[in-house]
C-alpha atoms as a PDB file:
ATOM      1  CA  PRO A   1     -33.151 -27.322  11.363  1.00  0.00           C
ATOM      2  CA  MET A   2     -31.503 -30.520  12.647  1.00  0.00           C
ATOM      3  CA  ALA A   3     -31.435 -32.051   9.181  1.00  0.00           C
ATOM      4  CA  THR A   4     -29.877 -28.891   7.770  1.00  0.00           C
ATOM      5  CA  ALA A   5     -27.202 -28.789  10.479  1.00  0.00           C
ATOM      6  CA  SER A   6     -26.228 -32.396   9.908  1.00  0.00           C
ATOM      7  CA  ALA A   7     -25.892 -31.753   6.156  1.00  0.00           C
ATOM      8  CA  VAL A   8     -23.176 -29.146   6.720  1.00  0.00           C
ATOM      9  CA  PRO A   9     -19.854 -30.827   6.043  1.00  0.00           C
ATOM     10  CA  ALA A  10     -17.522 -31.034   9.017  1.00  0.00           C
ATOM     11  CA  GLU A  11     -14.271 -29.097   8.973  1.00  0.00           C
ATOM     12  CA  PRO A  12     -11.581 -31.300   7.466  1.00  0.00           C
ATOM     13  CA  ALA A  13      -9.198 -32.639  10.062  1.00  0.00           C
ATOM     14  CA  GLY A  14      -5.925 -30.757  10.047  1.00  0.00           C
ATOM     15  CA  PRO A  15      -2.554 -32.489   9.980  1.00  0.00           C
ATOM     16  CA  PHE A  16      -1.935 -31.550  13.629  1.00  0.00           C
ATOM     17  CA  ASP A  17      -5.358 -32.415  15.060  1.00  0.00           C
ATOM     18  CA  GLY A  18      -5.318 -35.069  17.744  1.00  0.00           C
ATOM     19  CA  LEU A  19      -1.594 -34.705  18.483  1.00  0.00           C
ATOM     20  CA  ASN A  20      -0.448 -34.181  22.048  1.00  0.00           C
ATOM     21  CA  GLU A  21       1.958 -31.386  23.009  1.00  0.00           C
ATOM     22  CA  THR A  22       5.014 -33.646  22.882  1.00  0.00           C
ATOM     23  CA  MET A  23       4.190 -34.626  19.317  1.00  0.00           C
ATOM     24  CA  LEU A  24       3.492 -31.004  18.353  1.00  0.00           C
ATOM     25  CA  ASP A  25       6.830 -29.946  19.864  1.00  0.00           C
ATOM     26  CA  SER A  26       8.653 -32.656  17.914  1.00  0.00           C
ATOM     27  CA  LEU A  27       7.135 -31.264  14.706  1.00  0.00           C
ATOM     28  CA  TYR A  28       7.904 -27.659  15.623  1.00  0.00           C
ATOM     29  CA  ASP A  29      11.524 -27.978  16.811  1.00  0.00           C
ATOM     30  CA  PRO A  30      13.096 -28.733  13.388  1.00  0.00           C
ATOM     31  CA  LEU A  31      11.411 -25.627  11.954  1.00  0.00           C
ATOM     32  CA  ALA A  32      14.187 -23.582  13.596  1.00  0.00           C
ATOM     33  CA  TYR A  33      16.246 -24.245  10.445  1.00  0.00           C
ATOM     34  CA  VAL A  34      13.647 -22.856   8.038  1.00  0.00           C
ATOM     35  CA  GLU A  35      11.608 -20.267   9.929  1.00  0.00           C
ATOM     36  CA  GLN A  36      12.118 -16.546   9.382  1.00  0.00           C
ATOM     37  CA  GLN A  37      13.693 -14.418  12.121  1.00  0.00           C
ATOM     38  CA  ASN A  38      10.377 -12.919  13.209  1.00  0.00           C
ATOM     39  CA  GLU A  39       8.543 -16.259  13.423  1.00  0.00           C
ATOM     40  CA  GLY A  40      10.165 -17.899  16.446  1.00  0.00           C
ATOM     41  CA  GLY A  41       9.872 -17.193  20.118  1.00  0.00           C
ATOM     42  CA  ALA A  42       6.280 -17.448  21.325  1.00  0.00           C
ATOM     43  CA  TYR A  43       5.614 -21.108  20.518  1.00  0.00           C
ATOM     44  CA  GLN A  44       6.930 -22.577  23.797  1.00  0.00           C
ATOM     45  CA  ASN A  45       4.538 -20.404  25.842  1.00  0.00           C
ATOM     46  CA  LEU A  46       1.420 -21.515  23.952  1.00  0.00           C
ATOM     47  CA  THR A  47      -1.202 -24.022  25.052  1.00  0.00           C
ATOM     48  CA  GLY A  48      -1.634 -27.254  23.115  1.00  0.00           C
ATOM     49  CA  GLU A  49      -4.336 -25.687  20.973  1.00  0.00           C
ATOM     50  CA  GLY A  50      -2.181 -22.587  20.434  1.00  0.00           C
ATOM     51  CA  LYS A  51       0.735 -24.766  19.313  1.00  0.00           C
ATOM     52  CA  ARG A  52      -1.567 -26.583  16.905  1.00  0.00           C
ATOM     53  CA  ARG A  53      -2.751 -23.256  15.435  1.00  0.00           C
ATOM     54  CA  CYS A  54       0.835 -21.973  15.253  1.00  0.00           C
ATOM     55  CA  LEU A  55       1.982 -25.014  13.245  1.00  0.00           C
ATOM     56  CA  THR A  56      -1.089 -24.832  11.021  1.00  0.00           C
ATOM     57  CA  GLU A  57      -0.480 -21.133  10.306  1.00  0.00           C
ATOM     58  CA  PHE A  58       3.260 -21.646   9.734  1.00  0.00           C
ATOM     59  CA  TRP A  59       2.568 -24.193   6.997  1.00  0.00           C
ATOM     60  CA  ARG A  60      -0.461 -22.317   5.601  1.00  0.00           C
ATOM     61  CA  ARG A  61       1.824 -19.371   4.781  1.00  0.00           C
ATOM     62  CA  ARG A  62       4.130 -21.720   2.871  1.00  0.00           C
ATOM     63  CA  ASP A  63       1.494 -23.735   1.026  1.00  0.00           C
ATOM     64  CA  PRO A  64       2.098 -23.553  -2.740  1.00  0.00           C
ATOM     65  CA  THR A  65      -1.296 -25.203  -3.356  1.00  0.00           C
ATOM     66  CA  PRO A  66      -3.679 -23.588  -0.839  1.00  0.00           C
ATOM     67  CA  ALA A  67      -6.791 -24.782  -2.686  1.00  0.00           C
ATOM     68  CA  THR A  68      -5.896 -28.417  -1.962  1.00  0.00           C
ATOM     69  CA  PRO A  69      -5.873 -30.225   1.399  1.00  0.00           C
ATOM     70  CA  ASP A  70      -2.240 -31.257   0.959  1.00  0.00           C
ATOM     71  CA  ASN A  71       0.801 -29.043   1.434  1.00  0.00           C
ATOM     72  CA  PRO A  72       3.697 -30.421  -0.631  1.00  0.00           C
ATOM     73  CA  LEU A  73       6.285 -28.261   1.144  1.00  0.00           C
ATOM     74  CA  ARG A  74       5.171 -29.457   4.582  1.00  0.00           C
ATOM     75  CA  GLU A  75       5.140 -33.052   3.444  1.00  0.00           C
ATOM     76  CA  ALA A  76       8.605 -32.756   1.853  1.00  0.00           C
ATOM     77  CA  PHE A  77      10.023 -31.076   4.958  1.00  0.00           C
ATOM     78  CA  TYR A  78       8.795 -33.786   7.317  1.00  0.00           C
ATOM     79  CA  ARG A  79      10.012 -36.484   4.902  1.00  0.00           C
ATOM     80  CA  GLY A  80      13.393 -34.754   5.181  1.00  0.00           C
ATOM     81  CA  VAL A  81      13.193 -34.828   8.985  1.00  0.00           C
ATOM     82  CA  ARG A  82      12.432 -38.569   8.869  1.00  0.00           C
ATOM     83  CA  HIS A  83      15.340 -39.135   6.488  1.00  0.00           C
ATOM     84  CA  ALA A  84      17.702 -37.079   8.670  1.00  0.00           C
ATOM     85  CA  ASN A  85      16.604 -38.998  11.766  1.00  0.00           C
ATOM     86  CA  GLN A  86      17.208 -42.337  10.075  1.00  0.00           C
ATOM     87  CA  THR A  87      20.474 -41.401   8.377  1.00  0.00           C
ATOM     88  CA  PHE A  88      22.252 -38.973  10.713  1.00  0.00           C
ATOM     89  CA  ARG A  89      21.090 -40.053  14.193  1.00  0.00           C
ATOM     90  CA  GLU A  90      23.918 -40.267  16.689  1.00  0.00           C
ATOM     91  CA  GLY A  91      23.821 -43.038  19.232  1.00  0.00           C
ATOM     92  CA  GLY A  92      25.488 -43.443  22.569  1.00  0.00           C
ATOM     93  CA  GLY A  93      24.090 -42.092  25.805  1.00  0.00           C
ATOM     94  CA  ALA A  94      22.783 -38.899  24.229  1.00  0.00           C
ATOM     95  CA  GLN A  95      20.668 -40.457  21.455  1.00  0.00           C
ATOM     96  CA  ILE A  96      20.695 -37.289  19.347  1.00  0.00           C
ATOM     97  CA  PRO A  97      17.976 -37.233  16.667  1.00  0.00           C
ATOM     98  CA  GLY A  98      19.408 -36.867  13.178  1.00  0.00           C
ATOM     99  CA  TRP A  99      17.774 -33.515  12.523  1.00  0.00           C
ATOM    100  CA  ARG A 100      19.733 -32.021  15.480  1.00  0.00           C
ATOM    101  CA  THR A 101      23.142 -33.017  14.096  1.00  0.00           C
ATOM    102  CA  ASP A 102      25.307 -30.824  11.868  1.00  0.00           C
ATOM    103  CA  ARG A 103      24.716 -33.053   8.848  1.00  0.00           C
ATOM    104  CA  GLY A 104      20.966 -33.168   9.588  1.00  0.00           C
ATOM    105  CA  ARG A 105      20.787 -29.366   9.834  1.00  0.00           C
ATOM    106  CA  ILE A 106      22.514 -28.866   6.480  1.00  0.00           C
ATOM    107  CA  TYR A 107      20.351 -31.573   4.897  1.00  0.00           C
ATOM    108  CA  LEU A 108      17.135 -29.917   6.138  1.00  0.00           C
ATOM    109  CA  LYS A 109      18.236 -26.492   4.970  1.00  0.00           C
ATOM    110  CA  PHE A 110      19.434 -27.501   1.497  1.00  0.00           C
ATOM    111  CA  GLY A 111      18.356 -31.078   0.758  1.00  0.00           C
ATOM    112  CA  GLU A 112      20.533 -33.737  -0.799  1.00  0.00           C
ATOM    113  CA  SER A 113      23.921 -32.430  -1.901  1.00  0.00           C
ATOM    114  CA  ASN A 114      24.758 -32.277  -5.601  1.00  0.00           C
ATOM    115  CA  ASP A 115      28.084 -33.986  -4.979  1.00  0.00           C
ATOM    116  CA  ALA A 116      29.710 -35.671  -2.000  1.00  0.00           C
ATOM    117  CA  LEU A 117      33.030 -37.149  -0.967  1.00  0.00           C
ATOM    118  CA  ARG A 118      32.685 -39.735   1.798  1.00  0.00           C
ATOM    119  CA  ARG A 119      35.683 -41.264   3.519  1.00  0.00           C
ATOM    120  CA  PRO A 120      34.381 -43.397   6.417  1.00  0.00           C
ATOM    121  CA  MET A 121      37.737 -45.172   6.828  1.00  0.00           C
ATOM    122  CA  ALA A 122      40.038 -42.157   6.381  1.00  0.00           C
ATOM    123  CA  GLN A 123      43.023 -41.621   8.649  1.00  0.00           C
ATOM    124  CA  PRO A 124      43.406 -39.936  11.025  1.00  0.00           C
ATOM    125  CA  LYS A 125      39.598 -39.517  11.190  1.00  0.00           C
ATOM    126  CA  PRO A 126      36.610 -40.245   8.912  1.00  0.00           C
ATOM    127  CA  PHE A 127      35.214 -37.264   7.004  1.00  0.00           C
ATOM    128  CA  GLU A 128      32.599 -36.187   4.462  1.00  0.00           C
ATOM    129  CA  VAL A 129      32.409 -33.236   2.100  1.00  0.00           C
ATOM    130  CA  TRP A 130      29.104 -32.081   0.649  1.00  0.00           C
ATOM    131  CA  VAL A 131      28.875 -29.670  -2.284  1.00  0.00           C
ATOM    132  CA  TYR A 132      25.742 -27.804  -3.352  1.00  0.00           C
ATOM    133  CA  THR A 133      25.610 -26.045  -6.704  1.00  0.00           C
ATOM    134  CA  ARG A 134      22.015 -24.760  -6.626  1.00  0.00           C
ATOM    135  CA  ASP A 135      21.775 -20.966  -6.312  1.00  0.00           C
ATOM    136  CA  ARG A 136      25.452 -20.572  -5.459  1.00  0.00           C
ATOM    137  CA  ARG A 137      28.255 -23.010  -4.778  1.00  0.00           C
ATOM    138  CA  ARG A 138      28.396 -24.050  -1.118  1.00  0.00           C
ATOM    139  CA  TRP A 139      30.535 -26.701   0.494  1.00  0.00           C
ATOM    140  CA  TYR A 140      30.561 -28.307   3.934  1.00  0.00           C
ATOM    141  CA  VAL A 141      33.266 -30.481   5.495  1.00  0.00           C
ATOM    142  CA  PHE A 142      32.255 -32.814   8.331  1.00  0.00           C
ATOM    143  CA  LEU A 143      34.745 -34.663  10.548  1.00  0.00           C
ATOM    144  CA  ASP A 144      34.064 -37.652  12.787  1.00  0.00           C
ATOM    145  CA  ARG A 145      36.488 -36.898  15.648  1.00  0.00           C
ATOM    146  CA  THR A 146      35.300 -39.884  17.697  1.00  0.00           C
ATOM    147  CA  GLY A 147      35.294 -42.557  15.008  1.00  0.00           C
ATOM    148  CA  LEU A 148      31.761 -43.428  16.178  1.00  0.00           C
ATOM    149  CA  GLY A 149      29.721 -41.560  13.561  1.00  0.00           C
ATOM    150  CA  HIS A 150      29.494 -38.189  15.354  1.00  0.00           C
ATOM    151  CA  TYR A 151      30.244 -35.905  12.414  1.00  0.00           C
ATOM    152  CA  GLU A 152      30.873 -32.223  13.174  1.00  0.00           C
ATOM    153  CA  LEU A 153      30.893 -29.382  10.667  1.00  0.00           C
ATOM    154  CA  ILE A 154      34.511 -28.152  10.663  1.00  0.00           C
ATOM    155  CA  GLY A 155      34.754 -26.165   7.434  1.00  0.00           C
ATOM    156  CA  THR A 156      32.469 -24.337   5.025  1.00  0.00           C
ATOM    157  CA  ASN A 157      32.269 -21.339   2.726  1.00  0.00           C
ATOM    158  CA  ASP A 158      28.726 -20.628   3.992  1.00  0.00           C
ATOM    159  CA  VAL A 159      28.924 -17.463   6.108  1.00  0.00           C
ATOM    160  CA  THR A 160      25.675 -18.403   7.903  1.00  0.00           C
ATOM    161  CA  GLU A 161      27.309 -21.504   9.388  1.00  0.00           C
ATOM    162  CA  ARG A 162      30.015 -21.715  12.000  1.00  0.00           C
ATOM    163  CA  SER A 163      33.365 -23.240  11.164  1.00  0.00           C
ATOM    164  CA  THR A 164      36.588 -23.935  13.031  1.00  0.00           C
ATOM    165  CA  GLY A 165      38.282 -21.308  10.872  1.00  0.00           C
ATOM    166  CA  PRO A 166      41.024 -21.798   8.304  1.00  0.00           C
ATOM    167  CA  ASN A 167      42.714 -24.499  10.388  1.00  0.00           C
ATOM    168  CA  TRP A 168      40.001 -27.044   9.635  1.00  0.00           C
ATOM    169  CA  ILE A 169      41.990 -28.456   6.745  1.00  0.00           C
ATOM    170  CA  TYR A 170      44.803 -29.596   9.076  1.00  0.00           C
ATOM    171  CA  GLN A 171      42.348 -31.686  11.062  1.00  0.00           C
ATOM    172  CA  LEU A 172      41.952 -33.976   8.039  1.00  0.00           C
ATOM    173  CA  GLY A 173      45.614 -34.992   7.926  1.00  0.00           C
ATOM    174  CA  PRO A 174      47.852 -34.450   4.876  1.00  0.00           C
ATOM    175  CA  GLU A 175      46.205 -37.041   2.607  1.00  0.00           C
ATOM    176  CA  GLY A 176      42.647 -36.019   3.556  1.00  0.00           C
ATOM    177  CA  ALA A 177      43.491 -32.341   3.150  1.00  0.00           C
ATOM    178  CA  GLN A 178      44.861 -32.946  -0.347  1.00  0.00           C
ATOM    179  CA  GLU A 179      41.882 -35.070  -1.336  1.00  0.00           C
ATOM    180  CA  VAL A 180      39.383 -32.455  -0.090  1.00  0.00           C
ATOM    181  CA  THR A 181      41.307 -29.630  -1.792  1.00  0.00           C
ATOM    182  CA  ASN A 182      41.279 -31.520  -5.096  1.00  0.00           C
ATOM    183  CA  PHE A 183      37.591 -32.362  -4.679  1.00  0.00           C
ATOM    184  CA  LEU A 184      36.610 -28.735  -4.015  1.00  0.00           C
ATOM    185  CA  GLN A 185      38.667 -27.413  -6.936  1.00  0.00           C
ATOM    186  CA  ARG A 186      37.110 -29.575  -9.617  1.00  0.00           C
END
């Protein structure tokens, strides 16, 4: 019997095995941008093992290749989180991870934009415009009010995102407003 038991292959280690609760939480938090309405809520009240199972189940439901040990969607999502953290992190006293910023949120929801207008030296304030043409045309205007790289979403045609309303265009100044208008109309 002992020889038979030792011949049984061990369960393959899951991607969340061996992680402490802080690490599990850091992997769960960005999922707020992609989880369905009925999926959130209970995670914070779970034990470490419960959190591990919750993450495993979340990604199991989204695995396009369940017969393989890898999950390409999970791997792509966490690559996106790493990219957002490296590219959109905001410094200063707050040290905001990139995935928590407005640009990081849009990046995690939709990926790299199809087209972008970046004006880091614009006056009166730096701005960026991202355009997505997959599915339907969406655009997002980000303004750096501080001049320190803290870009806020100020305008969009995406009804699921907040905006400062129709007055966002005036925040860009006359030249920026004209440039963004021309960019969005092409």
